[in-house]
Amino acid sequence: MQPGEFYVFQLGVYAAERDLELITLRVGDCTSAGAPSQSIPAAAFRCFNLGGTDFRGNPLVKEVRVAKGRVQPLWIGVQIPRMASGRFLGQIQLTAPGIRPVDVKVSITVAGEMLDDGW
């Protein structure tokens, strides 16, 4: 990834043993693995499946459910800061009623020039 890039990735949720209801994600800050200390803040991440903004600019919240034996891709986007550089480590926690939270480690490597049209 490059500084200023909006990067999108998937997290697959497999309902192995039971239906999963009301899935939620909690994203933490991704911190730099080197010095000087930098971070990609949790607020830079969003899961398109769980909500966003509608065509009028109003907040939109969606519920995600996964039937037993099925896989649900969750589309997640992250705005890479303009001055970011190096390797960043963090975690995304998946929760749903009746299951233990599942932690997914995240590693993001940012290198190169800032994109001309980057944020």
PDB file of N, CA and C in Angstrom:
ATOM      1  N   MET A   1       0.835  -1.173   0.000  1.00  0.00           N
ATOM      2  CA  MET A   1       0.000   0.000   0.000  1.00  0.00           C
ATOM      3  C   MET A   1       0.880   1.236   0.000  1.00  0.00           C
ATOM      4  N   GLN A   2       0.299   2.329  -0.469  1.00  0.00           N
ATOM      5  CA  GLN A   2       1.027   3.583  -0.510  1.00  0.00           C
ATOM      6  C   GLN A   2       0.370   4.600   0.421  1.00  0.00           C
ATOM      7  N   PRO A   3       1.142   5.576   0.904  1.00  0.00           N
ATOM      8  CA  PRO A   3       0.547   6.631   1.715  1.00  0.00           C
ATOM      9  C   PRO A   3      -0.581   7.318   0.945  1.00  0.00           C
ATOM     10  N   GLY A   4      -1.689   7.590   1.635  1.00  0.00           N
ATOM     11  CA  GLY A   4      -2.838   8.236   1.015  1.00  0.00           C
ATOM     12  C   GLY A   4      -3.803   7.295   0.325  1.00  0.00           C
ATOM     13  N   GLU A   5      -3.465   6.026   0.220  1.00  0.00           N
ATOM     14  CA  GLU A   5      -4.319   5.047  -0.480  1.00  0.00           C
ATOM     15  C   GLU A   5      -5.506   4.650   0.392  1.00  0.00           C
ATOM     16  N   PHE A   6      -6.656   4.409  -0.255  1.00  0.00           N
ATOM     17  CA  PHE A   6      -7.787   3.776   0.426  1.00  0.00           C
ATOM     18  C   PHE A   6      -7.749   2.321   0.015  1.00  0.00           C
ATOM     19  N   TYR A   7      -7.425   1.443   0.946  1.00  0.00           N
ATOM     20  CA  TYR A   7      -7.207   0.028   0.658  1.00  0.00           C
ATOM     21  C   TYR A   7      -8.395  -0.783   1.172  1.00  0.00           C
ATOM     22  N   VAL A   8      -8.866  -1.734   0.362  1.00  0.00           N
ATOM     23  CA  VAL A   8     -10.014  -2.568   0.710  1.00  0.00           C
ATOM     24  C   VAL A   8      -9.581  -4.032   0.749  1.00  0.00           C
ATOM     25  N   PHE A   9     -10.049  -4.746   1.785  1.00  0.00           N
ATOM     26  CA  PHE A   9      -9.748  -6.172   1.916  1.00  0.00           C
ATOM     27  C   PHE A   9     -10.962  -6.893   2.489  1.00  0.00           C
ATOM     28  N   GLN A  10     -10.907  -8.229   2.442  1.00  0.00           N
ATOM     29  CA  GLN A  10     -12.008  -9.057   2.952  1.00  0.00           C
ATOM     30  C   GLN A  10     -11.576  -9.830   4.184  1.00  0.00           C
ATOM     31  N   LEU A  11     -12.542 -10.031   5.063  1.00  0.00           N
ATOM     32  CA  LEU A  11     -12.399 -10.932   6.197  1.00  0.00           C
ATOM     33  C   LEU A  11     -13.537 -11.937   6.058  1.00  0.00           C
ATOM     34  N   GLY A  12     -13.219 -13.226   5.924  1.00  0.00           N
ATOM     35  CA  GLY A  12     -14.243 -14.252   5.753  1.00  0.00           C
ATOM     36  C   GLY A  12     -14.709 -14.794   7.091  1.00  0.00           C
ATOM     37  N   VAL A  13     -16.017 -14.847   7.288  1.00  0.00           N
ATOM     38  CA  VAL A  13     -16.602 -15.383   8.521  1.00  0.00           C
ATOM     39  C   VAL A  13     -17.304 -16.686   8.171  1.00  0.00           C
ATOM     40  N   TYR A  14     -16.862 -17.773   8.801  1.00  0.00           N
ATOM     41  CA  TYR A  14     -17.434 -19.099   8.564  1.00  0.00           C
ATOM     42  C   TYR A  14     -18.222 -19.520   9.796  1.00  0.00           C
ATOM     43  N   ALA A  15     -19.497 -19.790   9.626  1.00  0.00           N
ATOM     44  CA  ALA A  15     -20.365 -20.241  10.717  1.00  0.00           C
ATOM     45  C   ALA A  15     -20.306 -21.770  10.769  1.00  0.00           C
ATOM     46  N   ALA A  16     -19.284 -22.299  11.411  1.00  0.00           N
ATOM     47  CA  ALA A  16     -19.018 -23.737  11.393  1.00  0.00           C
ATOM     48  C   ALA A  16     -20.040 -24.554  12.170  1.00  0.00           C
ATOM     49  N   GLU A  17     -20.436 -24.087  13.351  1.00  0.00           N
ATOM     50  CA  GLU A  17     -21.236 -24.925  14.244  1.00  0.00           C
ATOM     51  C   GLU A  17     -22.660 -24.455  14.467  1.00  0.00           C
ATOM     52  N   ARG A  18     -22.934 -23.170  14.150  1.00  0.00           N
ATOM     53  CA  ARG A  18     -24.266 -22.628  14.414  1.00  0.00           C
ATOM     54  C   ARG A  18     -24.468 -21.354  13.611  1.00  0.00           C
ATOM     55  N   ASP A  19     -25.715 -20.923  13.525  1.00  0.00           N
ATOM     56  CA  ASP A  19     -25.991 -19.624  12.916  1.00  0.00           C
ATOM     57  C   ASP A  19     -25.322 -18.534  13.746  1.00  0.00           C
ATOM     58  N   LEU A  20     -24.805 -17.527  13.067  1.00  0.00           N
ATOM     59  CA  LEU A  20     -24.236 -16.370  13.761  1.00  0.00           C
ATOM     60  C   LEU A  20     -25.157 -15.178  13.528  1.00  0.00           C
ATOM     61  N   GLU A  21     -25.555 -14.555  14.602  1.00  0.00           N
ATOM     62  CA  GLU A  21     -26.478 -13.424  14.541  1.00  0.00           C
ATOM     63  C   GLU A  21     -25.760 -12.142  14.958  1.00  0.00           C
ATOM     64  N   LEU A  22     -26.123 -11.053  14.361  1.00  0.00           N
ATOM     65  CA  LEU A  22     -25.673  -9.724  14.775  1.00  0.00           C
ATOM     66  C   LEU A  22     -24.161  -9.620  14.949  1.00  0.00           C
ATOM     67  N   ILE A  23     -23.448  -9.940  13.902  1.00  0.00           N
ATOM     68  CA  ILE A  23     -21.983  -9.874  13.927  1.00  0.00           C
ATOM     69  C   ILE A  23     -21.539  -8.424  14.059  1.00  0.00           C
ATOM     70  N   THR A  24     -20.541  -8.203  14.902  1.00  0.00           N
ATOM     71  CA  THR A  24     -19.940  -6.874  15.032  1.00  0.00           C
ATOM     72  C   THR A  24     -18.428  -7.007  14.951  1.00  0.00           C
ATOM     73  N   LEU A  25     -17.784  -5.912  14.573  1.00  0.00           N
ATOM     74  CA  LEU A  25     -16.327  -5.852  14.517  1.00  0.00           C
ATOM     75  C   LEU A  25     -15.855  -4.711  15.397  1.00  0.00           C
ATOM     76  N   ARG A  26     -14.751  -4.948  16.095  1.00  0.00           N
ATOM     77  CA  ARG A  26     -14.086  -3.896  16.854  1.00  0.00           C
ATOM     78  C   ARG A  26     -12.654  -3.828  16.340  1.00  0.00           C
ATOM     79  N   VAL A  27     -12.279  -2.670  15.831  1.00  0.00           N
ATOM     80  CA  VAL A  27     -10.947  -2.481  15.261  1.00  0.00           C
ATOM     81  C   VAL A  27     -10.130  -1.625  16.208  1.00  0.00           C
ATOM     82  N   GLY A  28      -8.885  -2.037  16.443  1.00  0.00           N
ATOM     83  CA  GLY A  28      -7.977  -1.237  17.249  1.00  0.00           C
ATOM     84  C   GLY A  28      -7.019  -0.461  16.350  1.00  0.00           C
ATOM     85  N   ASP A  29      -6.316   0.500  16.939  1.00  0.00           N
ATOM     86  CA  ASP A  29      -5.281   1.219  16.198  1.00  0.00           C
ATOM     87  C   ASP A  29      -4.217   0.236  15.729  1.00  0.00           C
ATOM     88  N   CYS A  30      -3.682   0.457  14.545  1.00  0.00           N
ATOM     89  CA  CYS A  30      -2.523  -0.304  14.061  1.00  0.00           C
ATOM     90  C   CYS A  30      -1.300   0.567  14.338  1.00  0.00           C
ATOM     91  N   THR A  31      -0.360   0.033  15.099  1.00  0.00           N
ATOM     92  CA  THR A  31       0.806   0.815  15.485  1.00  0.00           C
ATOM     93  C   THR A  31       2.031   0.371  14.704  1.00  0.00           C
ATOM     94  N   SER A  32       2.955   1.293  14.565  1.00  0.00           N
ATOM     95  CA  SER A  32       4.171   1.058  13.806  1.00  0.00           C
ATOM     96  C   SER A  32       5.041   0.018  14.496  1.00  0.00           C
ATOM     97  N   ALA A  33       5.599  -0.874  13.698  1.00  0.00           N
ATOM     98  CA  ALA A  33       6.495  -1.902  14.230  1.00  0.00           C
ATOM     99  C   ALA A  33       7.898  -1.345  14.431  1.00  0.00           C
ATOM    100  N   GLY A  34       8.167  -0.140  13.960  1.00  0.00           N
ATOM    101  CA  GLY A  34       9.497   0.454  14.079  1.00  0.00           C
ATOM    102  C   GLY A  34       9.416   1.850  14.649  1.00  0.00           C
ATOM    103  N   ALA A  35      10.522   2.537  14.631  1.00  0.00           N
ATOM    104  CA  ALA A  35      10.560   3.910  15.127  1.00  0.00           C
ATOM    105  C   ALA A  35      10.680   4.845  13.931  1.00  0.00           C
ATOM    106  N   PRO A  36      10.215   6.063  13.939  1.00  0.00           N
ATOM    107  CA  PRO A  36       9.452   6.632  15.050  1.00  0.00           C
ATOM    108  C   PRO A  36       8.038   6.079  15.084  1.00  0.00           C
ATOM    109  N   SER A  37       7.436   6.163  16.234  1.00  0.00           N
ATOM    110  CA  SER A  37       6.106   5.589  16.427  1.00  0.00           C
ATOM    111  C   SER A  37       5.066   6.323  15.584  1.00  0.00           C
ATOM    112  N   GLN A  38       4.323   5.566  14.789  1.00  0.00           N
ATOM    113  CA  GLN A  38       3.225   6.067  13.974  1.00  0.00           C
ATOM    114  C   GLN A  38       2.048   5.135  14.201  1.00  0.00           C
ATOM    115  N   SER A  39       0.881   5.540  13.732  1.00  0.00           N
ATOM    116  CA  SER A  39      -0.265   4.636  13.814  1.00  0.00           C
ATOM    117  C   SER A  39      -1.241   4.898  12.679  1.00  0.00           C
ATOM    118  N   ILE A  40      -2.033   3.875  12.406  1.00  0.00           N
ATOM    119  CA  ILE A  40      -3.205   4.001  11.553  1.00  0.00           C
ATOM    120  C   ILE A  40      -4.371   3.877  12.526  1.00  0.00           C
ATOM    121  N   PRO A  41      -5.101   4.967  12.778  1.00  0.00           N
ATOM    122  CA  PRO A  41      -6.123   4.938  13.818  1.00  0.00           C
ATOM    123  C   PRO A  41      -7.300   4.035  13.464  1.00  0.00           C
ATOM    124  N   ALA A  42      -7.932   3.500  14.506  1.00  0.00           N
ATOM    125  CA  ALA A  42      -9.097   2.634  14.317  1.00  0.00           C
ATOM    126  C   ALA A  42     -10.172   3.336  13.492  1.00  0.00           C
ATOM    127  N   ALA A  43     -10.283   4.654  13.633  1.00  0.00           N
ATOM    128  CA  ALA A  43     -11.293   5.418  12.900  1.00  0.00           C
ATOM    129  C   ALA A  43     -11.058   5.407  11.388  1.00  0.00           C
ATOM    130  N   ALA A  44      -9.871   5.014  10.944  1.00  0.00           N
ATOM    131  CA  ALA A  44      -9.564   4.948   9.506  1.00  0.00           C
ATOM    132  C   ALA A  44     -10.161   3.705   8.853  1.00  0.00           C
ATOM    133  N   PHE A  45     -10.670   2.759   9.661  1.00  0.00           N
ATOM    134  CA  PHE A  45     -11.233   1.500   9.159  1.00  0.00           C
ATOM    135  C   PHE A  45     -12.752   1.598   9.117  1.00  0.00           C
ATOM    136  N   ARG A  46     -13.354   0.929   8.106  1.00  0.00           N
ATOM    137  CA  ARG A  46     -14.807   0.795   8.083  1.00  0.00           C
ATOM    138  C   ARG A  46     -15.179  -0.519   7.409  1.00  0.00           C
ATOM    139  N   CYS A  47     -16.245  -1.136   7.919  1.00  0.00           N
ATOM    140  CA  CYS A  47     -16.769  -2.367   7.328  1.00  0.00           C
ATOM    141  C   CYS A  47     -18.036  -1.999   6.562  1.00  0.00           C
ATOM    142  N   PHE A  48     -17.977  -2.138   5.239  1.00  0.00           N
ATOM    143  CA  PHE A  48     -19.094  -1.749   4.389  1.00  0.00           C
ATOM    144  C   PHE A  48     -20.341  -2.593   4.634  1.00  0.00           C
ATOM    145  N   ASN A  49     -20.159  -3.841   5.056  1.00  0.00           N
ATOM    146  CA  ASN A  49     -21.304  -4.711   5.314  1.00  0.00           C
ATOM    147  C   ASN A  49     -22.123  -4.243   6.519  1.00  0.00           C
ATOM    148  N   LEU A  50     -21.472  -3.562   7.459  1.00  0.00           N
ATOM    149  CA  LEU A  50     -22.128  -3.205   8.718  1.00  0.00           C
ATOM    150  C   LEU A  50     -22.713  -1.799   8.726  1.00  0.00           C
ATOM    151  N   GLY A  51     -22.437  -1.026   7.695  1.00  0.00           N
ATOM    152  CA  GLY A  51     -23.041   0.299   7.653  1.00  0.00           C
ATOM    153  C   GLY A  51     -22.189   1.305   6.929  1.00  0.00           C
ATOM    154  N   GLY A  52     -22.594   2.545   7.073  1.00  0.00           N
ATOM    155  CA  GLY A  52     -21.896   3.639   6.413  1.00  0.00           C
ATOM    156  C   GLY A  52     -22.809   4.837   6.345  1.00  0.00           C
ATOM    157  N   THR A  53     -22.926   5.405   5.151  1.00  0.00           N
ATOM    158  CA  THR A  53     -23.741   6.587   4.925  1.00  0.00           C
ATOM    159  C   THR A  53     -24.614   6.344   3.702  1.00  0.00           C
ATOM    160  N   ASP A  54     -25.901   6.691   3.817  1.00  0.00           N
ATOM    161  CA  ASP A  54     -26.782   6.495   2.665  1.00  0.00           C
ATOM    162  C   ASP A  54     -26.640   7.639   1.665  1.00  0.00           C
ATOM    163  N   PHE A  55     -27.409   7.604   0.580  1.00  0.00           N
ATOM    164  CA  PHE A  55     -27.269   8.579  -0.494  1.00  0.00           C
ATOM    165  C   PHE A  55     -27.652   9.995  -0.058  1.00  0.00           C
ATOM    166  N   ARG A  56     -28.320  10.137   1.080  1.00  0.00           N
ATOM    167  CA  ARG A  56     -28.674  11.466   1.599  1.00  0.00           C
ATOM    168  C   ARG A  56     -27.675  11.964   2.649  1.00  0.00           C
ATOM    169  N   GLY A  57     -26.667  11.147   2.934  1.00  0.00           N
ATOM    170  CA  GLY A  57     -25.681  11.534   3.942  1.00  0.00           C
ATOM    171  C   GLY A  57     -26.052  11.123   5.351  1.00  0.00           C
ATOM    172  N   ASN A  58     -27.110  10.326   5.497  1.00  0.00           N
ATOM    173  CA  ASN A  58     -27.541   9.864   6.811  1.00  0.00           C
ATOM    174  C   ASN A  58     -26.809   8.585   7.206  1.00  0.00           C
ATOM    175  N   PRO A  59     -26.556   8.405   8.502  1.00  0.00           N
ATOM    176  CA  PRO A  59     -25.925   7.151   8.944  1.00  0.00           C
ATOM    177  C   PRO A  59     -26.786   5.946   8.569  1.00  0.00           C
ATOM    178  N   LEU A  60     -26.118   4.867   8.179  1.00  0.00           N
ATOM    179  CA  LEU A  60     -26.782   3.635   7.766  1.00  0.00           C
ATOM    180  C   LEU A  60     -26.175   2.492   8.566  1.00  0.00           C
ATOM    181  N   VAL A  61     -27.026   1.717   9.244  1.00  0.00           N
ATOM    182  CA  VAL A  61     -26.561   0.576  10.029  1.00  0.00           C
ATOM    183  C   VAL A  61     -27.207  -0.680   9.473  1.00  0.00           C
ATOM    184  N   LYS A  62     -26.391  -1.714   9.259  1.00  0.00           N
ATOM    185  CA  LYS A  62     -26.894  -2.986   8.735  1.00  0.00           C
ATOM    186  C   LYS A  62     -26.606  -4.091   9.737  1.00  0.00           C
ATOM    187  N   GLU A  63     -27.423  -5.128   9.709  1.00  0.00           N
ATOM    188  CA  GLU A  63     -27.193  -6.317  10.534  1.00  0.00           C
ATOM    189  C   GLU A  63     -26.661  -7.432   9.647  1.00  0.00           C
ATOM    190  N   VAL A  64     -25.623  -8.099  10.118  1.00  0.00           N
ATOM    191  CA  VAL A  64     -25.035  -9.209   9.368  1.00  0.00           C
ATOM    192  C   VAL A  64     -25.285 -10.498  10.139  1.00  0.00           C
ATOM    193  N   ARG A  65     -25.841 -11.465   9.432  1.00  0.00           N
ATOM    194  CA  ARG A  65     -26.080 -12.802   9.989  1.00  0.00           C
ATOM    195  C   ARG A  65     -25.457 -13.813   9.028  1.00  0.00           C
ATOM    196  N   VAL A  66     -24.978 -14.932   9.586  1.00  0.00           N
ATOM    197  CA  VAL A  66     -24.392 -15.977   8.756  1.00  0.00           C
ATOM    198  C   VAL A  66     -25.031 -17.301   9.168  1.00  0.00           C
ATOM    199  N   ALA A  67     -25.643 -17.998   8.223  1.00  0.00           N
ATOM    200  CA  ALA A  67     -26.275 -19.292   8.499  1.00  0.00           C
ATOM    201  C   ALA A  67     -25.212 -20.365   8.708  1.00  0.00           C
ATOM    202  N   LYS A  68     -25.528 -21.320   9.550  1.00  0.00           N
ATOM    203  CA  LYS A  68     -24.612 -22.435   9.816  1.00  0.00           C
ATOM    204  C   LYS A  68     -24.156 -23.065   8.502  1.00  0.00           C
ATOM    205  N   GLY A  69     -22.849 -23.309   8.391  1.00  0.00           N
ATOM    206  CA  GLY A  69     -22.274 -23.927   7.211  1.00  0.00           C
ATOM    207  C   GLY A  69     -21.973 -22.965   6.075  1.00  0.00           C
ATOM    208  N   ARG A  70     -22.264 -21.689   6.269  1.00  0.00           N
ATOM    209  CA  ARG A  70     -22.053 -20.692   5.219  1.00  0.00           C
ATOM    210  C   ARG A  70     -20.865 -19.786   5.547  1.00  0.00           C
ATOM    211  N   VAL A  71     -20.377 -19.116   4.516  1.00  0.00           N
ATOM    212  CA  VAL A  71     -19.294 -18.144   4.669  1.00  0.00           C
ATOM    213  C   VAL A  71     -19.830 -16.779   4.252  1.00  0.00           C
ATOM    214  N   GLN A  72     -19.512 -15.765   5.045  1.00  0.00           N
ATOM    215  CA  GLN A  72     -19.901 -14.390   4.726  1.00  0.00           C
ATOM    216  C   GLN A  72     -18.642 -13.538   4.619  1.00  0.00           C
ATOM    217  N   PRO A  73     -18.372 -12.974   3.439  1.00  0.00           N
ATOM    218  CA  PRO A  73     -17.241 -12.056   3.356  1.00  0.00           C
ATOM    219  C   PRO A  73     -17.631 -10.704   3.957  1.00  0.00           C
ATOM    220  N   LEU A  74     -16.743 -10.145   4.746  1.00  0.00           N
ATOM    221  CA  LEU A  74     -16.916  -8.790   5.255  1.00  0.00           C
ATOM    222  C   LEU A  74     -15.915  -7.907   4.526  1.00  0.00           C
ATOM    223  N   TRP A  75     -16.396  -6.880   3.862  1.00  0.00           N
ATOM    224  CA  TRP A  75     -15.540  -5.960   3.115  1.00  0.00           C
ATOM    225  C   TRP A  75     -15.142  -4.819   4.039  1.00  0.00           C
ATOM    226  N   ILE A  76     -13.833  -4.645   4.195  1.00  0.00           N
ATOM    227  CA  ILE A  76     -13.296  -3.635   5.105  1.00  0.00           C
ATOM    228  C   ILE A  76     -12.391  -2.706   4.315  1.00  0.00           C
ATOM    229  N   GLY A  77     -12.535  -1.411   4.542  1.00  0.00           N
ATOM    230  CA  GLY A  77     -11.679  -0.422   3.910  1.00  0.00           C
ATOM    231  C   GLY A  77     -10.892   0.337   4.961  1.00  0.00           C
ATOM    232  N   VAL A  78      -9.693   0.742   4.603  1.00  0.00           N
ATOM    233  CA  VAL A  78      -8.857   1.527   5.513  1.00  0.00           C
ATOM    234  C   VAL A  78      -8.213   2.669   4.725  1.00  0.00           C
ATOM    235  N   GLN A  79      -8.303   3.865   5.279  1.00  0.00           N
ATOM    236  CA  GLN A  79      -7.647   5.025   4.694  1.00  0.00           C
ATOM    237  C   GLN A  79      -6.238   5.114   5.270  1.00  0.00           C
ATOM    238  N   ILE A  80      -5.240   4.867   4.430  1.00  0.00           N
ATOM    239  CA  ILE A  80      -3.847   4.925   4.866  1.00  0.00           C
ATOM    240  C   ILE A  80      -3.458   6.407   5.012  1.00  0.00           C
ATOM    241  N   PRO A  81      -2.932   6.801   6.169  1.00  0.00           N
ATOM    242  CA  PRO A  81      -2.542   8.198   6.359  1.00  0.00           C
ATOM    243  C   PRO A  81      -1.493   8.648   5.346  1.00  0.00           C
ATOM    244  N   ARG A  82      -1.528   9.928   5.018  1.00  0.00           N
ATOM    245  CA  ARG A  82      -0.626  10.504   4.008  1.00  0.00           C
ATOM    246  C   ARG A  82       0.841  10.374   4.383  1.00  0.00           C
ATOM    247  N   MET A  83       1.160  10.410   5.648  1.00  0.00           N
ATOM    248  CA  MET A  83       2.555  10.379   6.073  1.00  0.00           C
ATOM    249  C   MET A  83       2.983   8.999   6.600  1.00  0.00           C
ATOM    250  N   ALA A  84       2.152   7.993   6.426  1.00  0.00           N
ATOM    251  CA  ALA A  84       2.473   6.656   6.935  1.00  0.00           C
ATOM    252  C   ALA A  84       3.612   6.028   6.144  1.00  0.00           C
ATOM    253  N   SER A  85       4.425   5.263   6.851  1.00  0.00           N
ATOM    254  CA  SER A  85       5.512   4.526   6.214  1.00  0.00           C
ATOM    255  C   SER A  85       5.945   3.408   7.140  1.00  0.00           C
ATOM    256  N   GLY A  86       6.178   2.238   6.573  1.00  0.00           N
ATOM    257  CA  GLY A  86       6.644   1.105   7.371  1.00  0.00           C
ATOM    258  C   GLY A  86       5.572   0.057   7.584  1.00  0.00           C
ATOM    259  N   ARG A  87       5.797  -0.785   8.576  1.00  0.00           N
ATOM    260  CA  ARG A  87       4.891  -1.900   8.891  1.00  0.00           C
ATOM    261  C   ARG A  87       4.064  -1.551  10.122  1.00  0.00           C
ATOM    262  N   PHE A  88       2.754  -1.806  10.018  1.00  0.00           N
ATOM    263  CA  PHE A  88       1.826  -1.495  11.097  1.00  0.00           C
ATOM    264  C   PHE A  88       1.128  -2.789  11.530  1.00  0.00           C
ATOM    265  N   LEU A  89       0.989  -2.962  12.839  1.00  0.00           N
ATOM    266  CA  LEU A  89       0.367  -4.158  13.386  1.00  0.00           C
ATOM    267  C   LEU A  89      -0.842  -3.772  14.230  1.00  0.00           C
ATOM    268  N   GLY A  90      -1.898  -4.561  14.116  1.00  0.00           N
ATOM    269  CA  GLY A  90      -3.097  -4.315  14.900  1.00  0.00           C
ATOM    270  C   GLY A  90      -3.975  -5.546  14.934  1.00  0.00           C
ATOM    271  N   GLN A  91      -5.232  -5.334  15.319  1.00  0.00           N
ATOM    272  CA  GLN A  91      -6.134  -6.474  15.386  1.00  0.00           C
ATOM    273  C   GLN A  91      -7.578  -6.031  15.201  1.00  0.00           C
ATOM    274  N   ILE A  92      -8.355  -6.953  14.637  1.00  0.00           N
ATOM    275  CA  ILE A  92      -9.790  -6.790  14.486  1.00  0.00           C
ATOM    276  C   ILE A  92     -10.442  -7.891  15.306  1.00  0.00           C
ATOM    277  N   GLN A  93     -11.406  -7.514  16.137  1.00  0.00           N
ATOM    278  CA  GLN A  93     -12.114  -8.504  16.948  1.00  0.00           C
ATOM    279  C   GLN A  93     -13.526  -8.684  16.407  1.00  0.00           C
ATOM    280  N   LEU A  94     -13.883  -9.929  16.124  1.00  0.00           N
ATOM    281  CA  LEU A  94     -15.209 -10.289  15.637  1.00  0.00           C
ATOM    282  C   LEU A  94     -16.018 -10.819  16.811  1.00  0.00           C
ATOM    283  N   THR A  95     -17.237 -10.307  16.974  1.00  0.00           N
ATOM    284  CA  THR A  95     -18.103 -10.790  18.044  1.00  0.00           C
ATOM    285  C   THR A  95     -19.488 -11.087  17.488  1.00  0.00           C
ATOM    286  N   ALA A  96     -20.183 -11.979  18.168  1.00  0.00           N
ATOM    287  CA  ALA A  96     -21.586 -12.299  17.898  1.00  0.00           C
ATOM    288  C   ALA A  96     -22.132 -12.924  19.173  1.00  0.00           C
ATOM    289  N   PRO A  97     -23.411 -12.719  19.462  1.00  0.00           N
ATOM    290  CA  PRO A  97     -23.991 -13.309  20.667  1.00  0.00           C
ATOM    291  C   PRO A  97     -23.801 -14.830  20.709  1.00  0.00           C
ATOM    292  N   GLY A  98     -23.388 -15.330  21.865  1.00  0.00           N
ATOM    293  CA  GLY A  98     -23.261 -16.772  22.062  1.00  0.00           C
ATOM    294  C   GLY A  98     -21.947 -17.382  21.623  1.00  0.00           C
ATOM    295  N   ILE A  99     -21.003 -16.570  21.112  1.00  0.00           N
ATOM    296  CA  ILE A  99     -19.688 -17.110  20.757  1.00  0.00           C
ATOM    297  C   ILE A  99     -18.603 -16.293  21.447  1.00  0.00           C
ATOM    298  N   ARG A 100     -17.462 -16.936  21.647  1.00  0.00           N
ATOM    299  CA  ARG A 100     -16.303 -16.211  22.173  1.00  0.00           C
ATOM    300  C   ARG A 100     -15.807 -15.246  21.106  1.00  0.00           C
ATOM    301  N   PRO A 101     -15.364 -14.054  21.492  1.00  0.00           N
ATOM    302  CA  PRO A 101     -14.789 -13.132  20.506  1.00  0.00           C
ATOM    303  C   PRO A 101     -13.601 -13.779  19.794  1.00  0.00           C
ATOM    304  N   VAL A 102     -13.461 -13.482  18.517  1.00  0.00           N
ATOM    305  CA  VAL A 102     -12.362 -13.992  17.704  1.00  0.00           C
ATOM    306  C   VAL A 102     -11.477 -12.814  17.297  1.00  0.00           C
ATOM    307  N   ASP A 103     -10.184 -12.908  17.616  1.00  0.00           N
ATOM    308  CA  ASP A 103      -9.233 -11.856  17.267  1.00  0.00           C
ATOM    309  C   ASP A 103      -8.491 -12.220  15.993  1.00  0.00           C
ATOM    310  N   VAL A 104      -8.437 -11.277  15.060  1.00  0.00           N
ATOM    311  CA  VAL A 104      -7.737 -11.457  13.791  1.00  0.00           C
ATOM    312  C   VAL A 104      -6.604 -10.438  13.740  1.00  0.00           C
ATOM    313  N   LYS A 105      -5.377 -10.917  13.619  1.00  0.00           N
ATOM    314  CA  LYS A 105      -4.231 -10.020  13.535  1.00  0.00           C
ATOM    315  C   LYS A 105      -4.174  -9.368  12.161  1.00  0.00           C
ATOM    316  N   VAL A 106      -3.789  -8.093  12.152  1.00  0.00           N
ATOM    317  CA  VAL A 106      -3.699  -7.314  10.925  1.00  0.00           C
ATOM    318  C   VAL A 106      -2.272  -6.801  10.783  1.00  0.00           C
ATOM    319  N   SER A 107      -1.702  -6.959   9.603  1.00  0.00           N
ATOM    320  CA  SER A 107      -0.380  -6.424   9.292  1.00  0.00           C
ATOM    321  C   SER A 107      -0.494  -5.631   7.991  1.00  0.00           C
ATOM    322  N   ILE A 108      -0.108  -4.366   8.058  1.00  0.00           N
ATOM    323  CA  ILE A 108      -0.191  -3.475   6.901  1.00  0.00           C
ATOM    324  C   ILE A 108       1.192  -2.902   6.645  1.00  0.00           C
ATOM    325  N   THR A 109       1.684  -3.062   5.422  1.00  0.00           N
ATOM    326  CA  THR A 109       2.977  -2.486   5.047  1.00  0.00           C
ATOM    327  C   THR A 109       2.732  -1.346   4.072  1.00  0.00           C
ATOM    328  N   VAL A 110       3.248  -0.170   4.428  1.00  0.00           N
ATOM    329  CA  VAL A 110       3.075   1.033   3.623  1.00  0.00           C
ATOM    330  C   VAL A 110       4.445   1.468   3.115  1.00  0.00           C
ATOM    331  N   ALA A 111       4.542   1.669   1.811  1.00  0.00           N
ATOM    332  CA  ALA A 111       5.825   2.079   1.218  1.00  0.00           C
ATOM    333  C   ALA A 111       5.559   2.898  -0.037  1.00  0.00           C
ATOM    334  N   GLY A 112       6.566   3.644  -0.448  1.00  0.00           N
ATOM    335  CA  GLY A 112       6.484   4.388  -1.700  1.00  0.00           C
ATOM    336  C   GLY A 112       6.052   5.823  -1.485  1.00  0.00           C
ATOM    337  N   GLU A 113       5.820   6.464  -2.624  1.00  0.00           N
ATOM    338  CA  GLU A 113       5.417   7.872  -2.624  1.00  0.00           C
ATOM    339  C   GLU A 113       3.935   8.011  -2.267  1.00  0.00           C
ATOM    340  N   MET A 114       3.604   9.162  -1.712  1.00  0.00           N
ATOM    341  CA  MET A 114       2.212   9.467  -1.437  1.00  0.00           C
ATOM    342  C   MET A 114       1.486   9.597  -2.774  1.00  0.00           C
ATOM    343  N   LEU A 115       0.304   9.003  -2.868  1.00  0.00           N
ATOM    344  CA  LEU A 115      -0.467   9.054  -4.107  1.00  0.00           C
ATOM    345  C   LEU A 115      -0.854  10.499  -4.442  1.00  0.00           C
ATOM    346  N   ASP A 116      -0.785  10.846  -5.710  1.00  0.00           N
ATOM    347  CA  ASP A 116      -1.139  12.207  -6.144  1.00  0.00           C
ATOM    348  C   ASP A 116      -2.555  12.591  -5.717  1.00  0.00           C
ATOM    349  N   ASP A 117      -3.474  11.614  -5.787  1.00  0.00           N
ATOM    350  CA  ASP A 117      -4.861  11.906  -5.418  1.00  0.00           C
ATOM    351  C   ASP A 117      -5.202  11.348  -4.047  1.00  0.00           C
ATOM    352  N   GLY A 118      -4.176  11.061  -3.228  1.00  0.00           N
ATOM    353  CA  GLY A 118      -4.390  10.485  -1.907  1.00  0.00           C
ATOM    354  C   GLY A 118      -4.978  11.479  -0.924  1.00  0.00           C
ATOM    355  N   TRP A 119      -5.613  10.953   0.107  1.00  0.00           N
ATOM    356  CA  TRP A 119      -6.246  11.781   1.129  1.00  0.00           C
ATOM    357  C   TRP A 119      -5.263  12.118   2.184  1.00  0.00           C
TER     358      TRP A 119
END
